Amino acid sequence: MTKEEVRTITISKLRLQEDHTVVDIGAGTGSLSIEAALVCKRGRVISIERKEEGIDLIKKNMEKFHINNLIPINGKAIEALNDIDFFHRAIIGGSGGQLEEIVRMCHEKLVDGGILVVNAITIETLYNSIKFMEKEGFEKIETICVNISRGDKLGNYTLMKGLNPIYIITGRK
């Protein structure tokens, strides 16, 4: 599950509006999809996840948060994206090794002014995301590195424990 702090920054970078269509690629448990669906009340969110356990969790979370504008799709991103005409925003949380093709398809199907946000945990994904976004013609590409530490009790003291850094790459069509 995407950490709360990373979800908050990702949702902010997307600049969502109530009527947007959002695609969450490599949705995992759907935490970002749920957050987007809560903002895009008159729009729709499409969660693409290849693992069935993830889809099951997305459906449970839809019930828990009373979400009815989210469409979970179990399958590979490329195939699922082929069936979507357009969208306003896209999130890539996982690519199954097809990042370049997914970025290309996002650029093709995003509306003018649309925003793509990639969340990456490895330096290679960071590098490739920037490279592929530049190649496709995304503009205003921005990269941030988020380092989060959480307090953990150690007797009468609090020790800050660092979590792995997350890279958030944003580009506009």
N, C-alpha and C. Protein backbone atom coordinates (compact mmCIF):
# COMPACT_ATOMS: atom_id res chain seq x y z
N MET A 1 0.84 -1.18 0.00
CA MET A 1 0.00 0.00 0.00
C MET A 1 0.88 1.25 0.00
N THR A 2 0.53 2.22 -0.81
CA THR A 2 1.26 3.47 -0.88
C THR A 2 1.11 4.20 0.46
N LYS A 3 2.21 4.63 1.02
CA LYS A 3 2.19 5.30 2.31
C LYS A 3 1.37 6.59 2.22
N GLU A 4 0.70 6.91 3.34
CA GLU A 4 -0.21 8.05 3.38
C GLU A 4 0.44 9.34 2.89
N GLU A 5 1.66 9.59 3.30
CA GLU A 5 2.35 10.83 2.92
C GLU A 5 2.61 10.87 1.41
N VAL A 6 2.96 9.74 0.84
CA VAL A 6 3.20 9.65 -0.61
C VAL A 6 1.87 9.80 -1.36
N ARG A 7 0.80 9.21 -0.84
CA ARG A 7 -0.53 9.37 -1.46
C ARG A 7 -0.91 10.85 -1.49
N THR A 8 -0.68 11.53 -0.38
CA THR A 8 -1.05 12.95 -0.29
C THR A 8 -0.31 13.77 -1.34
N ILE A 9 0.98 13.56 -1.48
CA ILE A 9 1.76 14.31 -2.46
C ILE A 9 1.34 13.93 -3.88
N THR A 10 1.15 12.64 -4.13
CA THR A 10 0.75 12.18 -5.46
C THR A 10 -0.59 12.80 -5.87
N ILE A 11 -1.56 12.75 -4.99
CA ILE A 11 -2.87 13.33 -5.29
C ILE A 11 -2.74 14.83 -5.54
N SER A 12 -1.92 15.51 -4.77
CA SER A 12 -1.69 16.95 -4.98
C SER A 12 -1.08 17.22 -6.35
N LYS A 13 -0.09 16.43 -6.75
CA LYS A 13 0.58 16.62 -8.04
C LYS A 13 -0.38 16.40 -9.21
N LEU A 14 -1.41 15.58 -9.02
CA LEU A 14 -2.37 15.29 -10.10
C LEU A 14 -3.31 16.46 -10.39
N ARG A 15 -3.49 17.37 -9.44
CA ARG A 15 -4.39 18.51 -9.64
C ARG A 15 -5.78 18.04 -10.12
N LEU A 16 -6.35 17.12 -9.36
CA LEU A 16 -7.62 16.50 -9.75
C LEU A 16 -8.79 17.47 -9.67
N GLN A 17 -9.76 17.25 -10.55
CA GLN A 17 -11.03 17.96 -10.52
C GLN A 17 -12.15 16.93 -10.42
N GLU A 18 -13.30 17.37 -9.95
CA GLU A 18 -14.43 16.47 -9.68
C GLU A 18 -14.83 15.60 -10.87
N ASP A 19 -14.70 16.11 -12.08
CA ASP A 19 -15.22 15.39 -13.25
C ASP A 19 -14.12 14.67 -14.05
N HIS A 20 -12.94 14.53 -13.48
CA HIS A 20 -11.85 13.88 -14.20
C HIS A 20 -12.00 12.37 -14.30
N THR A 21 -11.43 11.84 -15.38
CA THR A 21 -11.22 10.41 -15.52
C THR A 21 -9.76 10.16 -15.22
N VAL A 22 -9.51 9.25 -14.29
CA VAL A 22 -8.15 8.95 -13.82
C VAL A 22 -7.87 7.47 -14.03
N VAL A 23 -6.66 7.16 -14.49
CA VAL A 23 -6.23 5.78 -14.63
C VAL A 23 -5.08 5.54 -13.66
N ASP A 24 -5.22 4.51 -12.84
CA ASP A 24 -4.19 4.11 -11.88
C ASP A 24 -3.60 2.79 -12.36
N ILE A 25 -2.40 2.84 -12.90
CA ILE A 25 -1.75 1.67 -13.52
C ILE A 25 -0.81 1.03 -12.52
N GLY A 26 -0.99 -0.27 -12.32
CA GLY A 26 -0.24 -0.95 -11.27
C GLY A 26 -0.76 -0.50 -9.93
N ALA A 27 -2.09 -0.58 -9.78
CA ALA A 27 -2.80 0.01 -8.65
C ALA A 27 -2.52 -0.66 -7.30
N GLY A 28 -2.00 -1.87 -7.32
CA GLY A 28 -1.71 -2.55 -6.06
C GLY A 28 -2.98 -2.78 -5.27
N THR A 29 -3.03 -2.26 -4.06
CA THR A 29 -4.23 -2.41 -3.21
C THR A 29 -5.28 -1.33 -3.49
N GLY A 30 -4.93 -0.37 -4.33
CA GLY A 30 -5.90 0.66 -4.74
C GLY A 30 -5.98 1.87 -3.84
N SER A 31 -5.01 2.08 -2.96
CA SER A 31 -5.10 3.21 -2.05
C SER A 31 -5.13 4.55 -2.80
N LEU A 32 -4.33 4.68 -3.85
CA LEU A 32 -4.37 5.91 -4.65
C LEU A 32 -5.67 6.02 -5.44
N SER A 33 -6.17 4.90 -5.93
CA SER A 33 -7.44 4.89 -6.66
C SER A 33 -8.59 5.36 -5.77
N ILE A 34 -8.60 4.89 -4.54
CA ILE A 34 -9.65 5.28 -3.59
C ILE A 34 -9.56 6.78 -3.33
N GLU A 35 -8.36 7.27 -3.07
CA GLU A 35 -8.18 8.72 -2.82
C GLU A 35 -8.65 9.53 -4.03
N ALA A 36 -8.28 9.10 -5.23
CA ALA A 36 -8.69 9.82 -6.44
C ALA A 36 -10.21 9.78 -6.61
N ALA A 37 -10.81 8.63 -6.35
CA ALA A 37 -12.26 8.49 -6.50
C ALA A 37 -13.01 9.40 -5.53
N LEU A 38 -12.46 9.61 -4.35
CA LEU A 38 -13.10 10.51 -3.38
C LEU A 38 -13.08 11.96 -3.86
N VAL A 39 -12.06 12.33 -4.62
CA VAL A 39 -11.97 13.70 -5.16
C VAL A 39 -12.81 13.81 -6.43
N CYS A 40 -12.73 12.83 -7.31
CA CYS A 40 -13.40 12.87 -8.63
C CYS A 40 -14.81 12.30 -8.53
N LYS A 41 -15.63 12.91 -7.72
CA LYS A 41 -16.98 12.40 -7.43
C LYS A 41 -17.88 12.31 -8.67
N ARG A 42 -17.70 13.20 -9.61
CA ARG A 42 -18.51 13.17 -10.84
C ARG A 42 -17.75 12.57 -12.01
N GLY A 43 -16.55 12.09 -11.76
CA GLY A 43 -15.73 11.46 -12.78
C GLY A 43 -15.66 9.97 -12.55
N ARG A 44 -14.56 9.38 -13.01
CA ARG A 44 -14.37 7.94 -12.77
C ARG A 44 -12.88 7.65 -12.65
N VAL A 45 -12.62 6.59 -11.92
CA VAL A 45 -11.25 6.13 -11.73
C VAL A 45 -11.18 4.69 -12.20
N ILE A 46 -10.18 4.39 -13.00
CA ILE A 46 -9.98 3.04 -13.51
C ILE A 46 -8.69 2.51 -12.91
N SER A 47 -8.80 1.44 -12.12
CA SER A 47 -7.64 0.81 -11.48
C SER A 47 -7.24 -0.41 -12.28
N ILE A 48 -6.02 -0.41 -12.75
CA ILE A 48 -5.51 -1.56 -13.50
C ILE A 48 -4.48 -2.27 -12.62
N GLU A 49 -4.74 -3.55 -12.34
CA GLU A 49 -3.84 -4.33 -11.49
C GLU A 49 -3.81 -5.75 -12.01
N ARG A 50 -2.61 -6.29 -12.17
CA ARG A 50 -2.49 -7.64 -12.73
C ARG A 50 -2.63 -8.74 -11.70
N LYS A 51 -2.47 -8.41 -10.41
CA LYS A 51 -2.60 -9.43 -9.36
C LYS A 51 -4.03 -9.46 -8.83
N GLU A 52 -4.60 -10.64 -8.84
CA GLU A 52 -5.99 -10.79 -8.42
C GLU A 52 -6.21 -10.40 -6.96
N GLU A 53 -5.19 -10.65 -6.10
CA GLU A 53 -5.32 -10.27 -4.69
C GLU A 53 -5.49 -8.76 -4.55
N GLY A 54 -4.79 -8.02 -5.40
CA GLY A 54 -4.92 -6.56 -5.39
C GLY A 54 -6.32 -6.13 -5.78
N ILE A 55 -6.87 -6.75 -6.80
CA ILE A 55 -8.24 -6.43 -7.24
C ILE A 55 -9.23 -6.72 -6.13
N ASP A 56 -9.05 -7.84 -5.43
CA ASP A 56 -9.94 -8.18 -4.31
C ASP A 56 -9.88 -7.11 -3.22
N LEU A 57 -8.68 -6.63 -2.92
CA LEU A 57 -8.53 -5.57 -1.91
C LEU A 57 -9.15 -4.26 -2.37
N ILE A 58 -8.99 -3.95 -3.64
CA ILE A 58 -9.61 -2.73 -4.19
C ILE A 58 -11.12 -2.79 -4.01
N LYS A 59 -11.71 -3.94 -4.34
CA LYS A 59 -13.16 -4.10 -4.21
C LYS A 59 -13.61 -3.97 -2.75
N LYS A 60 -12.84 -4.55 -1.82
CA LYS A 60 -13.17 -4.42 -0.39
C LYS A 60 -13.09 -2.97 0.05
N ASN A 61 -12.05 -2.26 -0.42
CA ASN A 61 -11.91 -0.85 -0.06
C ASN A 61 -13.00 0.01 -0.69
N MET A 62 -13.46 -0.36 -1.87
CA MET A 62 -14.58 0.36 -2.49
C MET A 62 -15.81 0.26 -1.59
N GLU A 63 -16.03 -0.92 -1.07
CA GLU A 63 -17.18 -1.13 -0.17
C GLU A 63 -17.00 -0.34 1.12
N LYS A 64 -15.81 -0.45 1.70
CA LYS A 64 -15.51 0.21 2.97
C LYS A 64 -15.70 1.72 2.88
N PHE A 65 -15.26 2.32 1.77
CA PHE A 65 -15.32 3.78 1.61
C PHE A 65 -16.52 4.25 0.77
N HIS A 66 -17.44 3.32 0.48
CA HIS A 66 -18.66 3.64 -0.28
C HIS A 66 -18.34 4.32 -1.62
N ILE A 67 -17.43 3.72 -2.37
CA ILE A 67 -16.99 4.25 -3.66
C ILE A 67 -17.75 3.55 -4.77
N ASN A 68 -18.38 4.33 -5.66
CA ASN A 68 -19.11 3.71 -6.79
C ASN A 68 -18.64 4.24 -8.15
N ASN A 69 -17.58 5.05 -8.15
CA ASN A 69 -17.06 5.60 -9.41
C ASN A 69 -15.67 5.05 -9.74
N LEU A 70 -15.39 3.85 -9.25
CA LEU A 70 -14.09 3.21 -9.47
C LEU A 70 -14.32 1.89 -10.20
N ILE A 71 -13.56 1.68 -11.26
CA ILE A 71 -13.68 0.47 -12.07
C ILE A 71 -12.37 -0.31 -11.96
N PRO A 72 -12.37 -1.43 -11.21
CA PRO A 72 -11.15 -2.23 -11.14
C PRO A 72 -11.03 -3.17 -12.34
N ILE A 73 -9.85 -3.22 -12.93
CA ILE A 73 -9.60 -4.10 -14.08
C ILE A 73 -8.42 -5.00 -13.74
N ASN A 74 -8.67 -6.30 -13.76
CA ASN A 74 -7.62 -7.28 -13.52
C ASN A 74 -6.99 -7.63 -14.86
N GLY A 75 -5.72 -7.25 -15.05
CA GLY A 75 -5.05 -7.55 -16.30
C GLY A 75 -3.80 -6.73 -16.48
N LYS A 76 -3.19 -6.90 -17.63
CA LYS A 76 -1.97 -6.16 -17.95
C LYS A 76 -2.33 -4.76 -18.44
N ALA A 77 -1.48 -3.82 -18.11
CA ALA A 77 -1.74 -2.41 -18.39
C ALA A 77 -1.94 -2.14 -19.88
N ILE A 78 -1.07 -2.67 -20.73
CA ILE A 78 -1.14 -2.37 -22.16
C ILE A 78 -2.49 -2.79 -22.73
N GLU A 79 -2.94 -3.97 -22.39
CA GLU A 79 -4.22 -4.46 -22.89
C GLU A 79 -5.37 -3.62 -22.37
N ALA A 80 -5.34 -3.30 -21.07
CA ALA A 80 -6.42 -2.49 -20.48
C ALA A 80 -6.44 -1.08 -21.06
N LEU A 81 -5.27 -0.48 -21.25
CA LEU A 81 -5.21 0.88 -21.80
C LEU A 81 -5.74 0.94 -23.22
N ASN A 82 -5.59 -0.14 -23.98
CA ASN A 82 -6.13 -0.18 -25.34
C ASN A 82 -7.64 0.04 -25.37
N ASP A 83 -8.34 -0.34 -24.29
CA ASP A 83 -9.79 -0.24 -24.25
C ASP A 83 -10.30 1.08 -23.69
N ILE A 84 -9.40 1.98 -23.32
CA ILE A 84 -9.79 3.28 -22.75
C ILE A 84 -9.53 4.35 -23.80
N ASP A 85 -10.55 5.14 -24.10
CA ASP A 85 -10.43 6.16 -25.15
C ASP A 85 -9.54 7.33 -24.74
N PHE A 86 -9.75 7.86 -23.53
CA PHE A 86 -9.00 9.03 -23.07
C PHE A 86 -9.09 9.10 -21.54
N PHE A 87 -8.21 9.89 -20.97
CA PHE A 87 -8.29 10.19 -19.54
C PHE A 87 -7.59 11.52 -19.28
N HIS A 88 -7.90 12.11 -18.13
CA HIS A 88 -7.35 13.42 -17.76
C HIS A 88 -6.06 13.30 -16.96
N ARG A 89 -5.96 12.22 -16.18
CA ARG A 89 -4.81 12.03 -15.31
C ARG A 89 -4.44 10.54 -15.29
N ALA A 90 -3.16 10.28 -15.07
CA ALA A 90 -2.69 8.89 -14.97
C ALA A 90 -1.63 8.79 -13.89
N ILE A 91 -1.67 7.65 -13.21
CA ILE A 91 -0.68 7.32 -12.18
C ILE A 91 -0.06 6.00 -12.59
N ILE A 92 1.26 5.93 -12.53
CA ILE A 92 1.94 4.65 -12.74
C ILE A 92 2.62 4.29 -11.43
N GLY A 93 2.13 3.21 -10.82
CA GLY A 93 2.72 2.71 -9.59
C GLY A 93 3.48 1.42 -9.82
N GLY A 94 3.22 0.81 -10.96
CA GLY A 94 3.89 -0.42 -11.35
C GLY A 94 3.70 -0.62 -12.83
N SER A 95 4.68 -1.25 -13.48
CA SER A 95 4.61 -1.35 -14.94
C SER A 95 4.79 -2.77 -15.47
N GLY A 96 5.11 -3.70 -14.61
CA GLY A 96 5.34 -5.06 -15.08
C GLY A 96 6.41 -5.15 -16.15
N GLY A 97 7.39 -4.25 -16.10
CA GLY A 97 8.47 -4.26 -17.08
C GLY A 97 8.12 -3.61 -18.40
N GLN A 98 6.97 -2.93 -18.49
CA GLN A 98 6.54 -2.31 -19.74
C GLN A 98 6.43 -0.80 -19.62
N LEU A 99 7.30 -0.21 -18.83
CA LEU A 99 7.21 1.23 -18.54
C LEU A 99 7.22 2.08 -19.80
N GLU A 100 8.12 1.82 -20.73
CA GLU A 100 8.22 2.66 -21.92
C GLU A 100 6.92 2.65 -22.72
N GLU A 101 6.35 1.49 -22.93
CA GLU A 101 5.10 1.39 -23.69
C GLU A 101 3.94 2.03 -22.93
N ILE A 102 3.92 1.87 -21.61
CA ILE A 102 2.85 2.47 -20.80
C ILE A 102 2.93 4.00 -20.86
N VAL A 103 4.14 4.55 -20.74
CA VAL A 103 4.31 6.01 -20.83
C VAL A 103 3.86 6.50 -22.21
N ARG A 104 4.23 5.76 -23.25
CA ARG A 104 3.82 6.13 -24.61
C ARG A 104 2.29 6.15 -24.73
N MET A 105 1.64 5.11 -24.22
CA MET A 105 0.18 5.04 -24.31
C MET A 105 -0.49 6.12 -23.47
N CYS A 106 0.10 6.44 -22.32
CA CYS A 106 -0.45 7.52 -21.50
C CYS A 106 -0.40 8.84 -22.25
N HIS A 107 0.74 9.11 -22.91
CA HIS A 107 0.85 10.35 -23.67
C HIS A 107 -0.18 10.39 -24.81
N GLU A 108 -0.40 9.27 -25.43
CA GLU A 108 -1.36 9.17 -26.53
C GLU A 108 -2.80 9.39 -26.05
N LYS A 109 -3.15 8.88 -24.88
CA LYS A 109 -4.55 8.89 -24.43
C LYS A 109 -4.88 10.00 -23.45
N LEU A 110 -3.86 10.66 -22.90
CA LEU A 110 -4.15 11.80 -22.03
C LEU A 110 -4.69 12.96 -22.86
N VAL A 111 -5.65 13.68 -22.32
CA VAL A 111 -6.14 14.89 -22.98
C VAL A 111 -5.04 15.94 -22.95
N ASP A 112 -5.12 16.95 -23.81
CA ASP A 112 -4.15 18.03 -23.77
C ASP A 112 -4.19 18.67 -22.38
N GLY A 113 -3.03 18.89 -21.81
CA GLY A 113 -2.95 19.42 -20.45
C GLY A 113 -3.02 18.35 -19.39
N GLY A 114 -3.19 17.09 -19.80
CA GLY A 114 -3.28 15.97 -18.86
C GLY A 114 -1.96 15.77 -18.12
N ILE A 115 -2.06 15.16 -16.95
CA ILE A 115 -0.90 14.98 -16.09
C ILE A 115 -0.65 13.49 -15.84
N LEU A 116 0.63 13.12 -15.92
CA LEU A 116 1.08 11.78 -15.59
C LEU A 116 1.98 11.88 -14.36
N VAL A 117 1.72 11.02 -13.37
CA VAL A 117 2.57 10.94 -12.19
C VAL A 117 3.06 9.50 -12.06
N VAL A 118 4.38 9.36 -11.94
CA VAL A 118 4.99 8.04 -11.74
C VAL A 118 5.58 8.01 -10.34
N ASN A 119 5.23 6.97 -9.58
CA ASN A 119 5.84 6.75 -8.27
C ASN A 119 6.83 5.61 -8.43
N ALA A 120 8.08 5.88 -8.07
CA ALA A 120 9.14 4.90 -8.27
C ALA A 120 9.92 4.68 -6.97
N ILE A 121 10.38 3.44 -6.80
CA ILE A 121 11.19 3.13 -5.62
C ILE A 121 12.64 2.83 -5.98
N THR A 122 12.92 2.66 -7.28
CA THR A 122 14.30 2.38 -7.69
C THR A 122 14.84 3.52 -8.55
N ILE A 123 16.15 3.64 -8.52
CA ILE A 123 16.82 4.66 -9.32
C ILE A 123 16.64 4.39 -10.81
N GLU A 124 16.61 3.11 -11.18
CA GLU A 124 16.43 2.75 -12.59
C GLU A 124 15.06 3.18 -13.10
N THR A 125 14.02 2.98 -12.28
CA THR A 125 12.68 3.41 -12.69
C THR A 125 12.61 4.93 -12.75
N LEU A 126 13.26 5.60 -11.82
CA LEU A 126 13.33 7.06 -11.85
C LEU A 126 13.95 7.53 -13.16
N TYR A 127 15.11 7.01 -13.47
CA TYR A 127 15.83 7.39 -14.69
C TYR A 127 15.00 7.10 -15.94
N ASN A 128 14.47 5.89 -16.02
CA ASN A 128 13.69 5.50 -17.21
C ASN A 128 12.41 6.31 -17.34
N SER A 129 11.78 6.63 -16.23
CA SER A 129 10.56 7.45 -16.29
C SER A 129 10.84 8.80 -16.92
N ILE A 130 11.90 9.44 -16.46
CA ILE A 130 12.26 10.75 -17.01
C ILE A 130 12.60 10.62 -18.49
N LYS A 131 13.43 9.64 -18.82
CA LYS A 131 13.87 9.42 -20.20
C LYS A 131 12.66 9.18 -21.11
N PHE A 132 11.75 8.30 -20.71
CA PHE A 132 10.60 7.97 -21.55
C PHE A 132 9.62 9.13 -21.65
N MET A 133 9.46 9.88 -20.56
CA MET A 133 8.56 11.04 -20.60
C MET A 133 9.12 12.11 -21.53
N GLU A 134 10.42 12.34 -21.47
CA GLU A 134 11.04 13.31 -22.38
C GLU A 134 10.88 12.87 -23.83
N LYS A 135 11.13 11.59 -24.07
CA LYS A 135 11.03 11.03 -25.43
C LYS A 135 9.64 11.20 -26.02
N GLU A 136 8.61 11.06 -25.19
CA GLU A 136 7.23 11.17 -25.67
C GLU A 136 6.76 12.61 -25.79
N GLY A 137 7.50 13.55 -25.24
CA GLY A 137 7.12 14.97 -25.37
C GLY A 137 6.39 15.54 -24.17
N PHE A 138 6.42 14.86 -23.03
CA PHE A 138 5.84 15.46 -21.83
C PHE A 138 6.61 16.73 -21.50
N GLU A 139 5.91 17.70 -20.94
CA GLU A 139 6.51 18.98 -20.58
C GLU A 139 6.49 19.16 -19.07
N LYS A 140 7.24 20.13 -18.61
CA LYS A 140 7.29 20.48 -17.19
C LYS A 140 7.53 19.24 -16.33
N ILE A 141 8.47 18.42 -16.75
CA ILE A 141 8.79 17.21 -15.99
C ILE A 141 9.49 17.63 -14.70
N GLU A 142 8.95 17.14 -13.60
CA GLU A 142 9.47 17.48 -12.28
C GLU A 142 9.72 16.18 -11.52
N THR A 143 10.81 16.15 -10.79
CA THR A 143 11.14 14.99 -9.97
C THR A 143 11.36 15.44 -8.54
N ILE A 144 10.73 14.72 -7.62
CA ILE A 144 11.01 14.96 -6.20
C ILE A 144 11.33 13.62 -5.55
N CYS A 145 12.09 13.69 -4.49
CA CYS A 145 12.41 12.51 -3.69
C CYS A 145 11.81 12.74 -2.31
N VAL A 146 10.98 11.81 -1.88
CA VAL A 146 10.31 11.91 -0.60
C VAL A 146 10.96 10.95 0.39
N ASN A 147 11.46 11.49 1.47
CA ASN A 147 12.05 10.69 2.55
C ASN A 147 11.18 10.85 3.78
N ILE A 148 10.66 9.77 4.28
CA ILE A 148 9.75 9.81 5.42
C ILE A 148 10.37 9.03 6.57
N SER A 149 10.30 9.62 7.74
CA SER A 149 10.70 8.93 8.96
C SER A 149 9.51 8.94 9.90
N ARG A 150 9.34 7.84 10.61
CA ARG A 150 8.23 7.72 11.56
C ARG A 150 8.78 7.45 12.94
N GLY A 151 8.14 8.05 13.94
CA GLY A 151 8.57 7.85 15.33
C GLY A 151 8.22 6.46 15.82
N ASP A 152 9.18 5.83 16.50
CA ASP A 152 9.00 4.50 17.07
C ASP A 152 9.48 4.56 18.52
N LYS A 153 8.65 4.13 19.45
CA LYS A 153 8.99 4.20 20.86
C LYS A 153 10.15 3.27 21.19
N LEU A 154 11.08 3.78 21.94
CA LEU A 154 12.21 3.01 22.44
C LEU A 154 12.32 3.36 23.92
N GLY A 155 11.60 2.61 24.75
CA GLY A 155 11.51 2.93 26.18
C GLY A 155 10.77 4.24 26.35
N ASN A 156 11.43 5.18 27.02
CA ASN A 156 10.84 6.51 27.24
C ASN A 156 11.16 7.50 26.12
N TYR A 157 11.83 7.00 25.08
CA TYR A 157 12.28 7.86 24.00
C TYR A 157 11.57 7.51 22.69
N THR A 158 11.68 8.42 21.76
CA THR A 158 11.14 8.18 20.41
C THR A 158 12.30 8.20 19.43
N LEU A 159 12.43 7.11 18.70
CA LEU A 159 13.48 6.97 17.70
C LEU A 159 12.84 7.11 16.33
N MET A 160 13.39 7.99 15.50
CA MET A 160 12.85 8.15 14.16
C MET A 160 13.45 7.09 13.25
N LYS A 161 12.58 6.30 12.61
CA LYS A 161 13.02 5.26 11.69
C LYS A 161 12.67 5.67 10.27
N GLY A 162 13.70 5.70 9.43
CA GLY A 162 13.52 6.13 8.05
C GLY A 162 12.93 5.02 7.19
N LEU A 163 12.02 5.39 6.32
CA LEU A 163 11.46 4.48 5.32
C LEU A 163 12.23 4.67 4.02
N ASN A 164 12.10 3.74 3.11
CA ASN A 164 12.78 3.87 1.83
C ASN A 164 12.29 5.12 1.09
N PRO A 165 13.20 5.84 0.43
CA PRO A 165 12.78 7.02 -0.33
C PRO A 165 11.90 6.63 -1.52
N ILE A 166 11.02 7.53 -1.89
CA ILE A 166 10.13 7.36 -3.04
C ILE A 166 10.38 8.53 -3.98
N TYR A 167 10.49 8.23 -5.26
CA TYR A 167 10.65 9.26 -6.28
C TYR A 167 9.29 9.49 -6.93
N ILE A 168 8.90 10.75 -7.04
CA ILE A 168 7.64 11.11 -7.66
C ILE A 168 7.97 11.98 -8.87
N ILE A 169 7.65 11.46 -10.05
CA ILE A 169 7.96 12.14 -11.30
C ILE A 169 6.65 12.59 -11.93
N THR A 170 6.56 13.86 -12.27
CA THR A 170 5.34 14.43 -12.82
C THR A 170 5.63 15.07 -14.18
N GLY A 171 4.73 14.86 -15.12
CA GLY A 171 4.84 15.50 -16.43
C GLY A 171 3.47 15.87 -16.97
N ARG A 172 3.46 16.88 -17.81
CA ARG A 172 2.20 17.37 -18.41
C ARG A 172 2.25 17.19 -19.92
N LYS A 173 1.13 16.76 -20.48
CA LYS A 173 1.02 16.62 -21.94
C LYS A 173 0.70 17.98 -22.53
